Amino acid sequence: MFIDLYSIVMAMKSLIVLLSYHHKNTEKIAEAMASILDAEIKTPQQIDPGRLSEYDRVGFGSGIYLGNTTRFCLTLPTNFLKSQTRKPSYSQQAAKPERPQNFTNA
C-alpha cells in the first residue's frame, strides 16, 4: 500500500506563532515555512490558547535575545501541551555573528 505522506502533511492545518522584532530574521524563516505548509502566522497577542487545538500542527518561533529565547516560547507551548495528547518537538538555533572586517581584539 502506498501512502502519500506529502499529501497528508500538506492537508494538515498549520499555525506558526511568532515573535520577531529585532532584525526580523525569525519572521523571514517563518514566512518561508508558512508558504510551503500553507500555514497561518500569528503573534502571541493574536492567539487564543483555547483554540490552538483546532490546528493539526502548531509551531512556535522566536528570536534569541541576549542569549535567551522569549518567555512566550516556553510558556505558551507548555500550557498548550498540557491539554493535548500530542508529542512535541523542540528546536532552537542561533547563528554565530560574523565579525565586521574592521574588528580588532584590543
Protein backbone atom coordinates (compact mmCIF):
# COMPACT_ATOMS: atom_id res chain seq x y z
CA MET A 1 0.00 0.00 0.00
CA PHE A 2 1.39 3.38 -1.00
CA ILE A 3 1.00 6.20 1.49
CA ASP A 4 1.38 9.69 0.11
CA LEU A 5 2.96 11.37 3.13
CA TYR A 6 3.36 14.65 1.26
CA SER A 7 -0.40 14.89 0.77
CA ILE A 8 -1.04 14.02 4.40
CA VAL A 9 1.40 16.65 5.66
CA MET A 10 0.09 19.28 3.27
CA ALA A 11 -3.50 18.62 4.36
CA MET A 12 -2.67 19.38 7.99
CA LYS A 13 -3.97 22.69 9.30
CA SER A 14 -0.88 24.55 10.46
CA LEU A 15 -0.14 27.61 12.57
CA ILE A 16 3.12 29.38 13.36
CA VAL A 17 3.09 31.57 16.47
CA LEU A 18 5.86 34.08 16.03
CA LEU A 19 7.67 36.78 17.93
CA SER A 20 10.30 38.54 15.84
CA TYR A 21 11.15 42.18 16.33
CA HIS A 22 14.85 42.99 16.02
CA HIS A 23 16.21 42.04 12.60
CA LYS A 24 13.05 40.08 11.67
CA ASN A 25 15.12 37.04 10.67
CA THR A 26 12.83 34.65 12.55
CA GLU A 27 9.89 36.18 10.70
CA LYS A 28 11.61 35.55 7.36
CA ILE A 29 12.12 31.88 8.25
CA ALA A 30 8.51 31.57 9.42
CA GLU A 31 7.23 33.13 6.19
CA ALA A 32 9.26 30.64 4.13
CA MET A 33 7.91 27.73 6.18
CA ALA A 34 4.36 29.07 6.03
CA SER A 35 4.49 29.39 2.26
CA ILE A 36 5.40 25.72 1.92
CA LEU A 37 2.96 24.45 4.57
CA ASP A 38 0.16 26.89 3.76
CA ALA A 39 0.29 27.86 7.44
CA GLU A 40 -1.13 30.87 9.22
CA ILE A 41 1.28 33.15 11.08
CA LYS A 42 0.13 34.92 14.24
CA THR A 43 1.75 36.76 17.12
CA PRO A 44 1.24 35.60 20.72
CA GLN A 45 -1.16 38.53 21.22
CA GLN A 46 -3.37 37.22 18.39
CA ILE A 47 -3.66 33.75 19.89
CA ASP A 48 -6.50 32.31 21.92
CA PRO A 49 -4.77 29.38 23.64
CA GLY A 50 -8.09 27.57 23.90
CA ARG A 51 -8.35 27.46 20.11
CA LEU A 52 -4.90 26.05 19.38
CA SER A 53 -6.34 22.54 19.39
CA GLU A 54 -8.10 23.44 16.12
CA TYR A 55 -4.73 23.07 14.39
CA ASP A 56 -3.05 19.80 13.46
CA ARG A 57 0.40 21.35 13.76
CA VAL A 58 1.45 24.37 15.82
CA GLY A 59 4.96 25.82 15.67
CA PHE A 60 6.36 28.46 17.98
CA GLY A 61 9.16 30.74 16.83
CA SER A 62 11.17 33.44 18.49
CA GLY A 63 14.47 35.12 18.07
CA ILE A 64 17.23 34.63 20.60
CA TYR A 65 17.61 37.84 22.59
CA LEU A 66 20.57 38.34 24.93
CA GLY A 67 21.25 34.61 24.73
CA ASN A 68 17.72 33.57 25.71
CA THR A 69 14.55 32.67 23.93
CA THR A 70 11.49 34.77 24.73
CA ARG A 71 9.26 33.74 27.63
CA PHE A 72 6.23 33.12 25.40
CA CYS A 73 8.19 30.47 23.51
CA LEU A 74 8.38 28.45 26.72
CA THR A 75 5.09 29.19 28.48
CA LEU A 76 2.58 29.11 25.61
CA PRO A 77 3.71 25.73 24.22
CA THR A 78 3.87 24.25 27.73
CA ASN A 79 0.33 25.38 28.53
CA PHE A 80 -0.88 24.16 25.13
CA LEU A 81 0.66 20.72 25.55
CA LYS A 82 -0.87 20.20 29.00
CA SER A 83 -4.24 19.81 27.32
CA GLN A 84 -3.03 17.74 24.36
CA THR A 85 -2.12 14.13 23.74
CA ARG A 86 0.35 15.15 21.04
CA LYS A 87 4.07 14.79 21.37
CA PRO A 88 6.09 17.96 21.00
CA SER A 89 9.29 18.55 19.16
CA TYR A 90 11.58 21.40 20.09
CA SER A 91 14.37 23.03 18.18
CA GLN A 92 16.42 26.10 18.93
CA GLN A 93 19.09 27.53 16.70
CA ALA A 94 21.34 30.52 16.85
CA ALA A 95 23.87 31.73 14.34
CA LYS A 96 27.32 32.84 15.31
CA PRO A 97 27.53 36.51 14.37
CA GLU A 98 30.21 37.35 11.87
CA ARG A 99 32.83 39.81 12.91
CA PRO A 100 32.97 43.02 10.92
CA GLN A 101 36.01 43.24 8.67
CA ASN A 102 37.39 46.13 10.73
CA PHE A 103 37.00 44.22 14.04
CA THR A 104 40.07 44.08 16.26
CA ASN A 105 40.67 42.41 19.59
CA ALA A 106 42.03 45.25 21.66
